[in-house]
Amino acid sequence: MVFAGSAAADATDDYPIPHRMMTCTAEQILAAARDFTPIYYQRYIIDKHNKPPEVQQAAIDSAHYFYSLSPQDRRAYSEQMATNFADPMTKGWPNWAKIFFNNKGVAAKETDNCANYPPDDTSVWDG
């Protein structure tokens, strides 16, 4: 009898969060997205503004919480978030973190440039 080996998801340092993103704030990531991947930034902001105000604020709070964690805790949180669909924030807005996660091309442009932006410019959440 033959047994399959253990399965593993993408084992790279870029899944589910690019390793270079570990040093920027949410505002820096959004600013870089605005300037280097404007279509994705605009879609994110439109999607955000189509949510109730409490969901919009919860997304901002969730992003701030995530970026307040240590790099190791960010990695653990992102891996848990990528698999936990019972999370209330994910239920309220399934794509709330899309601009911060996945899509390696977008994330690469964000992370290559995010350190060049101020860490606390909250105007990026308004579009």
N, C-alpha and C. Protein backbone atom coordinates (compact mmCIF):
# COMPACT_ATOMS: atom_id res chain seq x y z
N MET A 1 0.84 -1.18 0.00
CA MET A 1 0.00 0.00 0.00
C MET A 1 0.89 1.24 0.00
N VAL A 2 0.53 2.23 -0.81
CA VAL A 2 1.31 3.45 -0.93
C VAL A 2 0.51 4.58 -0.29
N PHE A 3 1.19 5.37 0.53
CA PHE A 3 0.55 6.51 1.17
C PHE A 3 1.14 7.78 0.59
N ALA A 4 0.30 8.76 0.40
CA ALA A 4 0.76 10.06 -0.09
C ALA A 4 1.56 10.76 0.99
N GLY A 5 2.52 11.54 0.57
CA GLY A 5 3.30 12.32 1.52
C GLY A 5 2.45 13.45 2.09
N SER A 6 2.96 14.09 3.09
CA SER A 6 2.21 15.19 3.70
C SER A 6 2.12 16.35 2.71
N ALA A 7 0.98 16.96 2.69
CA ALA A 7 0.76 18.09 1.78
C ALA A 7 1.28 19.35 2.42
N ALA A 8 1.72 20.25 1.61
CA ALA A 8 2.20 21.53 2.10
C ALA A 8 1.72 22.62 1.16
N ALA A 9 1.27 23.71 1.73
CA ALA A 9 0.88 24.85 0.91
C ALA A 9 2.16 25.52 0.41
N ASP A 10 2.03 26.59 -0.26
CA ASP A 10 3.18 27.33 -0.74
C ASP A 10 4.10 27.59 0.45
N ALA A 11 5.29 27.09 0.40
CA ALA A 11 6.20 27.19 1.53
C ALA A 11 7.18 28.35 1.37
N THR A 12 6.91 29.27 0.48
CA THR A 12 7.82 30.38 0.27
C THR A 12 7.65 31.42 1.35
N ASP A 13 8.61 32.34 1.40
CA ASP A 13 8.53 33.44 2.35
C ASP A 13 7.49 34.47 1.92
N ASP A 14 6.88 34.30 0.75
CA ASP A 14 5.92 35.26 0.25
C ASP A 14 4.47 34.81 0.40
N TYR A 15 4.22 33.72 1.10
CA TYR A 15 2.85 33.26 1.26
C TYR A 15 2.54 33.09 2.73
N PRO A 16 1.43 33.55 3.21
CA PRO A 16 0.44 34.38 2.50
C PRO A 16 0.77 35.86 2.55
N ILE A 17 1.89 36.22 3.16
CA ILE A 17 2.28 37.63 3.20
C ILE A 17 3.74 37.75 2.77
N PRO A 18 4.03 38.64 1.85
CA PRO A 18 5.42 38.79 1.42
C PRO A 18 6.33 39.18 2.58
N HIS A 19 7.46 38.52 2.67
CA HIS A 19 8.37 38.75 3.80
C HIS A 19 8.86 40.18 3.87
N ARG A 20 8.97 40.86 2.75
CA ARG A 20 9.45 42.25 2.77
C ARG A 20 8.42 43.21 3.37
N MET A 21 7.17 42.79 3.42
CA MET A 21 6.11 43.64 3.94
C MET A 21 6.16 43.76 5.46
N MET A 22 6.98 42.97 6.08
CA MET A 22 7.01 42.91 7.53
C MET A 22 7.53 44.18 8.20
N THR A 23 8.13 45.09 7.45
CA THR A 23 8.74 46.27 8.07
C THR A 23 7.96 47.56 7.83
N CYS A 24 6.88 47.53 7.08
CA CYS A 24 6.11 48.74 6.78
C CYS A 24 4.82 48.78 7.58
N THR A 25 4.21 49.97 7.62
CA THR A 25 2.90 50.13 8.25
C THR A 25 1.82 49.97 7.18
N ALA A 26 0.58 49.85 7.62
CA ALA A 26 -0.54 49.75 6.69
C ALA A 26 -0.60 50.99 5.80
N GLU A 27 -0.36 52.15 6.38
CA GLU A 27 -0.41 53.40 5.63
C GLU A 27 0.70 53.45 4.57
N GLN A 28 1.87 52.95 4.89
CA GLN A 28 2.96 52.92 3.91
C GLN A 28 2.63 51.97 2.75
N ILE A 29 2.04 50.84 3.07
CA ILE A 29 1.65 49.89 2.03
C ILE A 29 0.60 50.51 1.11
N LEU A 30 -0.40 51.17 1.70
CA LEU A 30 -1.45 51.80 0.89
C LEU A 30 -0.89 52.94 0.04
N ALA A 31 0.02 53.73 0.60
CA ALA A 31 0.62 54.82 -0.18
C ALA A 31 1.40 54.27 -1.37
N ALA A 32 2.16 53.21 -1.15
CA ALA A 32 2.90 52.59 -2.25
C ALA A 32 1.94 52.01 -3.28
N ALA A 33 0.86 51.39 -2.82
CA ALA A 33 -0.14 50.86 -3.75
C ALA A 33 -0.76 51.99 -4.57
N ARG A 34 -1.06 53.09 -3.92
CA ARG A 34 -1.65 54.25 -4.61
C ARG A 34 -0.76 54.71 -5.76
N ASP A 35 0.55 54.73 -5.52
CA ASP A 35 1.46 55.28 -6.52
C ASP A 35 2.03 54.26 -7.50
N PHE A 36 2.10 52.99 -7.10
CA PHE A 36 2.75 51.99 -7.95
C PHE A 36 1.79 50.95 -8.53
N THR A 37 0.62 50.79 -7.93
CA THR A 37 -0.42 49.90 -8.46
C THR A 37 -1.77 50.61 -8.30
N PRO A 38 -1.92 51.75 -8.98
CA PRO A 38 -3.09 52.60 -8.75
C PRO A 38 -4.43 51.92 -9.03
N ILE A 39 -4.49 51.03 -9.99
CA ILE A 39 -5.76 50.34 -10.29
C ILE A 39 -6.19 49.52 -9.08
N TYR A 40 -5.26 48.78 -8.49
CA TYR A 40 -5.58 47.95 -7.33
C TYR A 40 -5.93 48.81 -6.11
N TYR A 41 -5.23 49.92 -5.96
CA TYR A 41 -5.53 50.83 -4.86
C TYR A 41 -6.94 51.41 -5.03
N GLN A 42 -7.26 51.88 -6.23
CA GLN A 42 -8.58 52.46 -6.48
C GLN A 42 -9.69 51.43 -6.25
N ARG A 43 -9.48 50.22 -6.72
CA ARG A 43 -10.49 49.16 -6.49
C ARG A 43 -10.68 48.90 -5.01
N TYR A 44 -9.58 48.87 -4.27
CA TYR A 44 -9.65 48.63 -2.82
C TYR A 44 -10.43 49.75 -2.13
N ILE A 45 -10.11 50.98 -2.46
CA ILE A 45 -10.78 52.13 -1.83
C ILE A 45 -12.27 52.16 -2.20
N ILE A 46 -12.60 51.89 -3.44
CA ILE A 46 -14.01 51.84 -3.85
C ILE A 46 -14.73 50.74 -3.07
N ASP A 47 -14.10 49.57 -3.00
CA ASP A 47 -14.69 48.45 -2.25
C ASP A 47 -14.87 48.84 -0.78
N LYS A 48 -13.88 49.48 -0.20
CA LYS A 48 -13.96 49.92 1.20
C LYS A 48 -15.14 50.88 1.39
N HIS A 49 -15.25 51.85 0.51
CA HIS A 49 -16.32 52.85 0.64
C HIS A 49 -17.71 52.27 0.38
N ASN A 50 -17.79 51.10 -0.20
CA ASN A 50 -19.07 50.43 -0.40
C ASN A 50 -19.50 49.60 0.80
N LYS A 51 -18.71 49.61 1.84
CA LYS A 51 -19.04 48.89 3.08
C LYS A 51 -19.60 49.86 4.11
N PRO A 52 -20.38 49.35 5.07
CA PRO A 52 -20.88 50.22 6.14
C PRO A 52 -19.71 50.84 6.92
N PRO A 53 -19.92 52.02 7.49
CA PRO A 53 -18.84 52.70 8.22
C PRO A 53 -18.16 51.83 9.29
N GLU A 54 -18.95 51.01 9.98
CA GLU A 54 -18.34 50.19 11.04
C GLU A 54 -17.42 49.11 10.46
N VAL A 55 -17.74 48.63 9.26
CA VAL A 55 -16.87 47.64 8.60
C VAL A 55 -15.60 48.32 8.08
N GLN A 56 -15.76 49.52 7.55
CA GLN A 56 -14.59 50.29 7.11
C GLN A 56 -13.63 50.52 8.26
N GLN A 57 -14.18 50.95 9.40
CA GLN A 57 -13.33 51.21 10.57
C GLN A 57 -12.71 49.93 11.10
N ALA A 58 -13.46 48.85 11.06
CA ALA A 58 -12.93 47.56 11.51
C ALA A 58 -11.77 47.11 10.63
N ALA A 59 -11.84 47.39 9.34
CA ALA A 59 -10.74 47.04 8.44
C ALA A 59 -9.49 47.84 8.79
N ILE A 60 -9.67 49.12 9.04
CA ILE A 60 -8.53 49.97 9.43
C ILE A 60 -7.95 49.47 10.75
N ASP A 61 -8.82 49.21 11.71
CA ASP A 61 -8.36 48.71 13.02
C ASP A 61 -7.65 47.37 12.89
N SER A 62 -8.18 46.49 12.04
CA SER A 62 -7.56 45.18 11.83
C SER A 62 -6.17 45.33 11.20
N ALA A 63 -6.06 46.21 10.23
CA ALA A 63 -4.76 46.45 9.60
C ALA A 63 -3.77 47.02 10.61
N HIS A 64 -4.23 47.97 11.43
CA HIS A 64 -3.33 48.55 12.45
C HIS A 64 -2.92 47.49 13.47
N TYR A 65 -3.85 46.64 13.85
CA TYR A 65 -3.51 45.56 14.78
C TYR A 65 -2.45 44.66 14.15
N PHE A 66 -2.68 44.24 12.92
CA PHE A 66 -1.75 43.36 12.23
C PHE A 66 -0.35 43.98 12.18
N TYR A 67 -0.27 45.24 11.77
CA TYR A 67 1.04 45.88 11.62
C TYR A 67 1.65 46.28 12.96
N SER A 68 0.92 46.18 14.06
CA SER A 68 1.50 46.42 15.38
C SER A 68 2.21 45.19 15.92
N LEU A 69 1.98 44.03 15.30
CA LEU A 69 2.58 42.78 15.75
C LEU A 69 4.05 42.69 15.32
N SER A 70 4.78 41.85 16.01
CA SER A 70 6.16 41.58 15.60
C SER A 70 6.14 40.84 14.26
N PRO A 71 7.24 40.85 13.52
CA PRO A 71 7.25 40.11 12.24
C PRO A 71 6.86 38.64 12.40
N GLN A 72 7.30 38.00 13.45
CA GLN A 72 6.95 36.59 13.66
C GLN A 72 5.45 36.43 13.91
N ASP A 73 4.89 37.33 14.71
CA ASP A 73 3.46 37.26 15.00
C ASP A 73 2.63 37.65 13.77
N ARG A 74 3.15 38.55 12.94
CA ARG A 74 2.46 38.89 11.70
C ARG A 74 2.36 37.65 10.81
N ARG A 75 3.45 36.92 10.70
CA ARG A 75 3.47 35.71 9.87
C ARG A 75 2.43 34.73 10.39
N ALA A 76 2.43 34.48 11.70
CA ALA A 76 1.48 33.53 12.28
C ALA A 76 0.04 34.00 12.08
N TYR A 77 -0.22 35.29 12.31
CA TYR A 77 -1.56 35.84 12.15
C TYR A 77 -2.02 35.72 10.70
N SER A 78 -1.14 36.03 9.76
CA SER A 78 -1.52 35.97 8.35
C SER A 78 -1.81 34.54 7.91
N GLU A 79 -1.05 33.59 8.41
CA GLU A 79 -1.32 32.20 8.07
C GLU A 79 -2.65 31.75 8.65
N GLN A 80 -2.96 32.20 9.85
CA GLN A 80 -4.23 31.85 10.48
C GLN A 80 -5.38 32.54 9.75
N MET A 81 -5.20 33.80 9.38
CA MET A 81 -6.25 34.55 8.71
C MET A 81 -6.56 33.97 7.33
N ALA A 82 -5.53 33.45 6.67
CA ALA A 82 -5.73 32.88 5.33
C ALA A 82 -6.56 31.61 5.36
N THR A 83 -6.71 31.01 6.52
CA THR A 83 -7.44 29.74 6.62
C THR A 83 -8.66 29.81 7.53
N ASN A 84 -8.86 30.92 8.24
CA ASN A 84 -9.97 31.03 9.20
C ASN A 84 -11.07 31.91 8.63
N PHE A 85 -12.04 31.28 7.99
CA PHE A 85 -13.11 32.05 7.37
C PHE A 85 -14.23 32.38 8.34
N ALA A 86 -14.08 32.01 9.61
CA ALA A 86 -15.06 32.36 10.62
C ALA A 86 -14.73 33.70 11.28
N ASP A 87 -13.62 34.29 10.92
CA ASP A 87 -13.21 35.58 11.46
C ASP A 87 -14.28 36.63 11.15
N PRO A 88 -14.74 37.39 12.14
CA PRO A 88 -15.81 38.38 11.90
C PRO A 88 -15.45 39.42 10.83
N MET A 89 -14.20 39.84 10.80
CA MET A 89 -13.81 40.83 9.79
C MET A 89 -13.91 40.21 8.40
N THR A 90 -13.51 38.98 8.26
CA THR A 90 -13.59 38.31 6.96
C THR A 90 -15.04 38.13 6.54
N LYS A 91 -15.93 37.90 7.50
CA LYS A 91 -17.35 37.79 7.17
C LYS A 91 -17.92 39.13 6.72
N GLY A 92 -17.52 40.21 7.36
CA GLY A 92 -18.04 41.54 7.03
C GLY A 92 -17.51 42.08 5.71
N TRP A 93 -16.27 41.72 5.37
CA TRP A 93 -15.65 42.17 4.13
C TRP A 93 -14.56 41.17 3.78
N PRO A 94 -14.91 40.15 3.02
CA PRO A 94 -13.96 39.07 2.73
C PRO A 94 -12.63 39.56 2.13
N ASN A 95 -12.63 40.66 1.41
CA ASN A 95 -11.41 41.14 0.75
C ASN A 95 -10.74 42.30 1.49
N TRP A 96 -11.03 42.46 2.77
CA TRP A 96 -10.50 43.62 3.49
C TRP A 96 -8.98 43.70 3.46
N ALA A 97 -8.31 42.57 3.41
CA ALA A 97 -6.84 42.57 3.46
C ALA A 97 -6.21 42.28 2.11
N LYS A 98 -7.01 42.24 1.06
CA LYS A 98 -6.50 41.82 -0.25
C LYS A 98 -5.32 42.66 -0.70
N ILE A 99 -5.35 43.93 -0.47
CA ILE A 99 -4.25 44.79 -0.93
C ILE A 99 -2.97 44.54 -0.13
N PHE A 100 -3.11 43.93 1.04
CA PHE A 100 -1.95 43.64 1.88
C PHE A 100 -1.41 42.23 1.66
N PHE A 101 -2.20 41.34 1.11
CA PHE A 101 -1.84 39.94 0.98
C PHE A 101 -1.98 39.48 -0.46
N ASN A 102 -1.50 38.27 -0.71
CA ASN A 102 -1.64 37.61 -2.00
C ASN A 102 -1.00 38.42 -3.13
N ASN A 103 -1.57 38.33 -4.29
CA ASN A 103 -1.13 39.00 -5.51
C ASN A 103 0.33 39.46 -5.45
N LYS A 104 1.23 38.54 -5.74
CA LYS A 104 2.66 38.81 -5.58
C LYS A 104 3.15 40.01 -6.40
N GLY A 105 2.61 40.24 -7.57
CA GLY A 105 3.06 41.38 -8.36
C GLY A 105 2.73 42.70 -7.69
N VAL A 106 1.51 42.82 -7.20
CA VAL A 106 1.09 44.04 -6.49
C VAL A 106 1.88 44.18 -5.21
N ALA A 107 1.95 43.12 -4.42
CA ALA A 107 2.66 43.17 -3.15
C ALA A 107 4.14 43.48 -3.35
N ALA A 108 4.73 42.97 -4.40
CA ALA A 108 6.14 43.25 -4.66
C ALA A 108 6.36 44.74 -4.92
N LYS A 109 5.49 45.35 -5.70
CA LYS A 109 5.62 46.79 -5.97
C LYS A 109 5.41 47.59 -4.69
N GLU A 110 4.45 47.18 -3.88
CA GLU A 110 4.20 47.87 -2.61
C GLU A 110 5.42 47.77 -1.70
N THR A 111 5.92 46.55 -1.54
CA THR A 111 7.00 46.34 -0.58
C THR A 111 8.33 46.89 -1.06
N ASP A 112 8.53 46.99 -2.37
CA ASP A 112 9.75 47.59 -2.88
C ASP A 112 9.80 49.08 -2.57
N ASN A 113 8.65 49.69 -2.33
CA ASN A 113 8.59 51.15 -2.21
C ASN A 113 8.00 51.66 -0.90
N CYS A 114 7.42 50.81 -0.08
CA CYS A 114 6.67 51.29 1.07
C CYS A 114 7.50 52.08 2.09
N ALA A 115 8.77 51.75 2.23
CA ALA A 115 9.60 52.45 3.22
C ALA A 115 9.84 53.91 2.86
N ASN A 116 9.51 54.30 1.64
CA ASN A 116 9.72 55.68 1.19
C ASN A 116 8.57 56.61 1.56
N TYR A 117 7.59 56.10 2.29
CA TYR A 117 6.40 56.88 2.65
C TYR A 117 6.32 57.07 4.16
N PRO A 118 5.62 58.14 4.59
CA PRO A 118 5.46 58.34 6.04
C PRO A 118 4.65 57.20 6.66
N PRO A 119 5.01 56.78 7.86
CA PRO A 119 4.35 55.63 8.47
C PRO A 119 2.94 55.89 9.00
N ASP A 120 2.52 57.16 9.08
CA ASP A 120 1.25 57.45 9.76
C ASP A 120 0.34 58.41 8.99
N ASP A 121 0.40 58.39 7.67
CA ASP A 121 -0.46 59.25 6.85
C ASP A 121 -1.81 58.56 6.64
N THR A 122 -2.76 58.84 7.51
CA THR A 122 -4.05 58.17 7.46
C THR A 122 -4.92 58.61 6.28
N SER A 123 -4.52 59.65 5.57
CA SER A 123 -5.31 60.09 4.41
C SER A 123 -5.37 59.02 3.31
N VAL A 124 -4.46 58.07 3.32
CA VAL A 124 -4.46 57.03 2.29
C VAL A 124 -5.68 56.14 2.38
N TRP A 125 -6.34 56.10 3.53
CA TRP A 125 -7.55 55.29 3.69
C TRP A 125 -8.76 55.94 3.02
N ASP A 126 -8.67 57.22 2.72
CA ASP A 126 -9.79 57.94 2.12
C ASP A 126 -9.81 57.90 0.61
N GLY A 127 -8.67 57.60 0.01
CA GLY A 127 -8.59 57.57 -1.46
C GLY A 127 -8.39 58.93 -1.98
